[in-house]
Amino acid sequence: MIGYTQKDTPIHDLSGFAKLVCFLLISVIGMVSYDTRFLLGLAVFSILIFRLAKIRYREISFVLKFIAAFSLLNLLAVYVFAPEYGVEIYGTRHVIFEGIGRFTLTQEQLFYELNLLIKYFVTIPPGLIFLMTTNPSELAASLNRIGLSYKIAYAFALALRYIPDIQEDFRTISKAQQARGNEISSKAPLLKRVRGNLAIALPLIFSSLERIDTISSAMELRRFGKKATRSWYMSRPLNRQDKLAIIVVLGITLIGVSLLYLNQGRFYNPFH
């Protein structure tokens, strides 16, 4: 579903700290700004670096499908609960379709939800890039470097390391069940697949809890967490590429901040 894979790309060669800073900067300015022109440019930039990282669709297909379903549900919920919110933001009302009761479709609402849709293309690719191109140990060192407690950083890194192991165990058990004649692949009916996967998932969860207890005991025996700070084997100093990446993303962020002042707010209003 999501796991680190070493590849020979410029993105993989960047240090974890540089990728973390770039990811945070892009995410923050992408969430704050509602300037459609800037968001479109930022979305194109995010997609380009995503292609540069050489992440294949089959590696993230499940995650992308889940995100797409959630995104569409979110856009629909925004309209259902606040169909006139775009009108409130932009101060004008251009009706496209008169619906039933308060459910009218306006250009302002469509434009607002278009901005929300673009934001997904801005923030999701950098997040996937960061998780899939950063070694978990180096990620923990990077999180600690920006001020996060090393205990929390280490827990986050362990979780990322553990996800691929759980997936591999699940696939192994699933294939063993199918070899015994219990068909739970895509060929089986949906309800049978659900019941079969649940039968695998529940024991796997309990065995995972036992592993967590084993890891916790091993860390306690090594006196993990007894000191306020710790050193990191995977920590890397910033090189020229790292500094260049941070400068580029910082420049993009400053453009977004300047647009906040030029637009006198977060929103670009094409209706005035």
Protein backbone atom coordinates (compact mmCIF):
# COMPACT_ATOMS: atom_id res chain seq x y z
CA MET A 1 0.00 0.00 0.00
CA ILE A 2 2.70 2.48 1.06
CA GLY A 3 6.31 1.56 1.60
CA TYR A 4 9.80 2.87 1.04
CA THR A 5 11.58 1.55 -2.05
CA GLN A 6 15.10 2.60 -2.94
CA LYS A 7 15.36 3.94 -6.51
CA ASP A 8 17.88 5.94 -8.47
CA THR A 9 16.09 9.30 -8.79
CA PRO A 10 16.96 12.90 -7.81
CA ILE A 11 14.09 12.82 -5.29
CA HIS A 12 15.42 9.71 -3.54
CA ASP A 13 18.87 11.30 -3.37
CA LEU A 14 17.59 14.23 -1.31
CA SER A 15 18.00 14.03 2.46
CA GLY A 16 14.98 13.27 4.61
CA PHE A 17 15.20 16.69 6.24
CA ALA A 18 15.08 18.51 2.89
CA LYS A 19 12.08 16.45 1.73
CA LEU A 20 10.29 17.04 5.02
CA VAL A 21 10.79 20.83 4.83
CA CYS A 22 9.67 20.93 1.17
CA PHE A 23 6.62 18.79 1.92
CA LEU A 24 5.57 21.00 4.84
CA LEU A 25 6.04 24.23 2.87
CA ILE A 26 4.05 23.00 -0.14
CA SER A 27 1.30 21.57 2.05
CA VAL A 28 0.89 24.71 4.16
CA ILE A 29 0.82 27.20 1.28
CA GLY A 30 -1.38 24.83 -0.74
CA MET A 31 -3.93 24.65 2.06
CA VAL A 32 -3.85 28.35 2.92
CA SER A 33 -4.09 29.82 -0.59
CA TYR A 34 -7.28 29.86 -2.66
CA ASP A 35 -5.73 31.66 -5.63
CA THR A 36 -6.73 29.37 -8.50
CA ARG A 37 -3.87 30.51 -10.74
CA PHE A 38 -1.28 29.77 -8.09
CA LEU A 39 -2.90 26.44 -7.14
CA LEU A 40 -2.90 25.28 -10.77
CA GLY A 41 0.80 26.05 -11.09
CA LEU A 42 1.52 24.34 -7.79
CA ALA A 43 -0.50 21.28 -8.86
CA VAL A 44 1.53 21.00 -12.07
CA PHE A 45 4.74 21.31 -10.04
CA SER A 46 3.58 18.56 -7.64
CA ILE A 47 2.69 16.21 -10.49
CA LEU A 48 6.03 16.83 -12.22
CA ILE A 49 8.08 15.96 -9.13
CA PHE A 50 5.80 12.95 -8.60
CA ARG A 51 6.75 11.67 -12.07
CA LEU A 52 10.38 12.48 -11.33
CA ALA A 53 10.23 10.18 -8.29
CA LYS A 54 9.25 7.25 -10.61
CA ILE A 55 6.46 6.03 -8.36
CA ARG A 56 4.41 3.51 -10.31
CA TYR A 57 0.63 3.42 -10.23
CA ARG A 58 0.44 -0.20 -9.05
CA GLU A 59 2.46 0.73 -5.96
CA ILE A 60 -0.16 3.21 -4.79
CA SER A 61 -3.33 2.14 -6.64
CA PHE A 62 -5.26 1.25 -3.48
CA VAL A 63 -4.31 4.50 -1.75
CA LEU A 64 -5.21 6.60 -4.81
CA LYS A 65 -8.59 4.91 -5.15
CA PHE A 66 -9.32 5.49 -1.48
CA ILE A 67 -8.24 9.14 -1.69
CA ALA A 68 -10.30 9.69 -4.87
CA ALA A 69 -13.43 8.24 -3.22
CA PHE A 70 -12.90 10.31 -0.10
CA SER A 71 -12.27 13.47 -2.14
CA LEU A 72 -15.46 13.08 -4.16
CA LEU A 73 -17.41 12.41 -0.96
CA ASN A 74 -15.91 15.52 0.61
CA LEU A 75 -16.82 17.72 -2.38
CA LEU A 76 -20.37 16.38 -2.32
CA ALA A 77 -20.65 16.96 1.44
CA VAL A 78 -19.46 20.56 1.05
CA TYR A 79 -22.28 21.23 -1.41
CA VAL A 80 -24.93 19.38 0.63
CA PHE A 81 -24.15 21.19 3.88
CA ALA A 82 -23.26 24.61 2.40
CA PRO A 83 -24.58 25.04 -1.18
CA GLU A 84 -24.27 28.83 -0.95
CA TYR A 85 -20.84 29.02 0.67
CA GLY A 86 -19.19 30.14 -2.55
CA VAL A 87 -21.70 33.00 -2.78
CA GLU A 88 -20.77 34.10 0.74
CA ILE A 89 -17.06 34.05 -0.11
CA TYR A 90 -17.10 35.87 -3.46
CA GLY A 91 -19.98 38.26 -2.74
CA THR A 92 -21.87 37.66 -6.02
CA ARG A 93 -24.49 35.15 -7.16
CA HIS A 94 -24.64 33.76 -10.71
CA VAL A 95 -27.21 30.95 -10.81
CA ILE A 96 -26.61 28.06 -13.21
CA PHE A 97 -29.50 25.87 -12.11
CA GLU A 98 -32.41 26.48 -9.75
CA GLY A 99 -32.78 23.39 -7.61
CA ILE A 100 -35.19 22.36 -4.89
CA GLY A 101 -35.26 24.59 -1.83
CA ARG A 102 -31.80 25.83 -0.93
CA PHE A 103 -30.02 23.51 -3.35
CA THR A 104 -29.23 25.89 -6.20
CA LEU A 105 -26.12 25.54 -8.34
CA THR A 106 -24.09 28.73 -8.72
CA GLN A 107 -20.89 29.62 -10.54
CA GLU A 108 -19.39 30.78 -7.26
CA GLN A 109 -20.00 27.41 -5.58
CA LEU A 110 -18.56 25.50 -8.52
CA PHE A 111 -15.50 27.75 -8.55
CA TYR A 112 -14.96 27.25 -4.81
CA GLU A 113 -15.21 23.46 -5.13
CA LEU A 114 -12.87 23.56 -8.13
CA ASN A 115 -10.29 25.13 -5.83
CA LEU A 116 -10.84 22.34 -3.32
CA LEU A 117 -10.33 19.76 -6.05
CA ILE A 118 -7.08 21.39 -7.21
CA LYS A 119 -5.83 21.37 -3.61
CA TYR A 120 -5.91 17.56 -3.64
CA PHE A 121 -3.56 17.55 -6.64
CA VAL A 122 -1.32 20.01 -4.77
CA THR A 123 -0.99 18.22 -1.43
CA ILE A 124 -1.38 14.49 -2.19
CA PRO A 125 1.61 13.95 -4.56
CA PRO A 126 4.19 15.55 -2.18
CA GLY A 127 2.80 13.49 0.70
CA LEU A 128 3.13 10.24 -1.23
CA ILE A 129 6.59 11.26 -2.45
CA PHE A 130 7.73 12.00 1.08
CA LEU A 131 6.48 8.67 2.48
CA MET A 132 7.67 6.49 -0.40
CA THR A 133 11.11 8.00 -1.06
CA THR A 134 12.32 8.51 2.51
CA ASN A 135 13.98 5.77 4.51
CA PRO A 136 12.00 5.36 7.79
CA SER A 137 15.15 5.68 9.91
CA GLU A 138 16.17 8.84 8.08
CA LEU A 139 12.58 10.09 8.42
CA ALA A 140 12.77 9.68 12.20
CA ALA A 141 16.03 11.63 12.27
CA SER A 142 14.45 14.39 10.16
CA LEU A 143 11.39 14.67 12.42
CA ASN A 144 13.64 14.91 15.46
CA ARG A 145 15.78 17.51 13.71
CA ILE A 146 12.83 19.91 13.34
CA GLY A 147 12.03 19.66 17.04
CA LEU A 148 9.73 16.64 17.38
CA SER A 149 10.47 14.33 20.32
CA TYR A 150 12.68 11.47 19.22
CA LYS A 151 10.30 9.02 20.92
CA ILE A 152 7.41 10.14 18.69
CA ALA A 153 9.70 10.24 15.65
CA TYR A 154 10.88 6.70 16.34
CA ALA A 155 7.28 5.47 16.77
CA PHE A 156 6.37 7.01 13.41
CA ALA A 157 9.33 5.32 11.72
CA LEU A 158 8.44 1.94 13.26
CA ALA A 159 4.87 2.26 11.98
CA LEU A 160 6.11 2.91 8.44
CA ARG A 161 8.44 -0.08 8.65
CA TYR A 162 5.66 -2.28 9.98
CA ILE A 163 3.06 -1.54 7.25
CA PRO A 164 4.90 -3.51 4.50
CA ASP A 165 5.39 -6.45 6.91
CA ILE A 166 1.67 -6.61 7.69
CA GLN A 167 0.81 -6.43 3.99
CA GLU A 168 3.23 -9.24 3.18
CA ASP A 169 1.82 -11.43 5.96
CA PHE A 170 -1.70 -10.75 4.71
CA ARG A 171 -0.80 -11.71 1.13
CA THR A 172 0.97 -14.89 2.32
CA ILE A 173 -2.03 -16.03 4.39
CA SER A 174 -4.42 -15.13 1.58
CA LYS A 175 -2.50 -17.23 -0.95
CA ALA A 176 -2.33 -20.12 1.51
CA GLN A 177 -6.11 -19.97 1.97
CA GLN A 178 -6.65 -19.93 -1.80
CA ALA A 179 -4.30 -22.90 -2.20
CA ARG A 180 -6.59 -24.82 0.18
CA GLY A 181 -9.57 -24.08 -2.07
CA ASN A 182 -10.96 -21.06 -0.20
CA GLU A 183 -11.34 -18.59 -3.08
CA ILE A 184 -11.13 -14.99 -1.80
CA SER A 185 -9.59 -13.31 -4.83
CA SER A 186 -11.40 -10.97 -7.22
CA LYS A 187 -13.01 -14.02 -8.82
CA ALA A 188 -15.11 -14.70 -5.71
CA PRO A 189 -18.39 -12.89 -4.87
CA LEU A 190 -18.01 -9.68 -2.89
CA LEU A 191 -19.56 -10.97 0.36
CA LYS A 192 -17.40 -14.09 0.30
CA ARG A 193 -14.29 -11.97 -0.24
CA VAL A 194 -15.23 -9.69 2.66
CA ARG A 195 -15.81 -12.63 5.03
CA GLY A 196 -12.59 -14.31 3.91
CA ASN A 197 -10.49 -11.18 4.32
CA LEU A 198 -11.98 -10.50 7.77
CA ALA A 199 -11.11 -14.05 8.79
CA ILE A 200 -7.50 -13.27 7.88
CA ALA A 201 -7.38 -9.71 9.25
CA LEU A 202 -8.58 -10.44 12.80
CA PRO A 203 -5.91 -13.06 13.68
CA LEU A 204 -3.32 -10.90 11.94
CA ILE A 205 -4.22 -7.93 14.16
CA PHE A 206 -3.75 -10.01 17.33
CA SER A 207 -0.43 -11.43 16.13
CA SER A 208 0.66 -7.88 15.31
CA LEU A 209 -0.12 -6.77 18.87
CA GLU A 210 2.14 -9.56 20.13
CA ARG A 211 4.94 -8.28 17.89
CA ILE A 212 4.46 -4.76 19.23
CA ASP A 213 4.83 -6.06 22.78
CA THR A 214 8.02 -7.89 21.80
CA ILE A 215 9.50 -4.76 20.19
CA SER A 216 8.53 -2.64 23.22
CA SER A 217 10.23 -5.08 25.59
CA ALA A 218 13.38 -5.12 23.46
CA MET A 219 13.50 -1.30 23.42
CA GLU A 220 13.03 -1.14 27.20
CA LEU A 221 15.87 -3.62 27.71
CA ARG A 222 18.09 -1.30 25.68
CA ARG A 223 17.03 1.64 27.90
CA PHE A 224 15.32 3.46 25.03
CA GLY A 225 13.94 6.84 26.13
CA LYS A 226 16.07 7.22 29.24
CA LYS A 227 17.92 10.26 27.90
CA ALA A 228 16.61 13.57 26.55
CA THR A 229 18.43 13.34 23.23
CA ARG A 230 19.90 10.68 20.98
CA SER A 231 22.12 10.37 17.94
CA TRP A 232 20.94 9.08 14.56
CA TYR A 233 22.86 6.68 12.35
CA MET A 234 20.84 7.61 9.23
CA SER A 235 20.98 11.39 9.67
CA ARG A 236 22.61 13.19 6.71
CA PRO A 237 23.94 16.74 6.43
CA LEU A 238 22.44 19.02 3.79
CA ASN A 239 24.24 18.96 0.46
CA ARG A 240 23.96 21.25 -2.56
CA GLN A 241 20.92 19.45 -3.99
CA ASP A 242 19.09 19.67 -0.67
CA LYS A 243 19.70 23.39 -0.35
CA LEU A 244 18.63 24.00 -3.96
CA ALA A 245 15.38 22.06 -3.43
CA ILE A 246 14.58 24.02 -0.26
CA ILE A 247 15.34 27.34 -2.00
CA VAL A 248 13.05 26.48 -4.95
CA VAL A 249 10.16 25.44 -2.70
CA LEU A 250 10.75 28.41 -0.42
CA GLY A 251 10.55 30.70 -3.48
CA ILE A 252 7.24 29.11 -4.49
CA THR A 253 5.96 29.58 -0.95
CA LEU A 254 6.94 33.27 -0.96
CA ILE A 255 5.02 33.73 -4.24
CA GLY A 256 1.95 32.25 -2.55
CA VAL A 257 2.38 34.53 0.47
CA SER A 258 2.76 37.61 -1.76
CA LEU A 259 -0.49 36.70 -3.54
CA LEU A 260 -2.26 36.74 -0.18
CA TYR A 261 -1.38 40.44 0.08
CA LEU A 262 -2.13 41.24 -3.56
CA ASN A 263 -5.55 39.57 -3.35
CA GLN A 264 -6.12 41.16 0.07
CA GLY A 265 -6.98 37.75 1.43
CA ARG A 266 -6.77 34.04 0.69
CA PHE A 267 -9.26 34.05 -2.19
CA TYR A 268 -8.80 35.04 -5.83
CA ASN A 269 -12.12 36.51 -6.97
CA PRO A 270 -12.76 36.42 -10.75
CA PHE A 271 -16.38 37.57 -10.35
CA HIS A 272 -15.54 41.24 -9.65
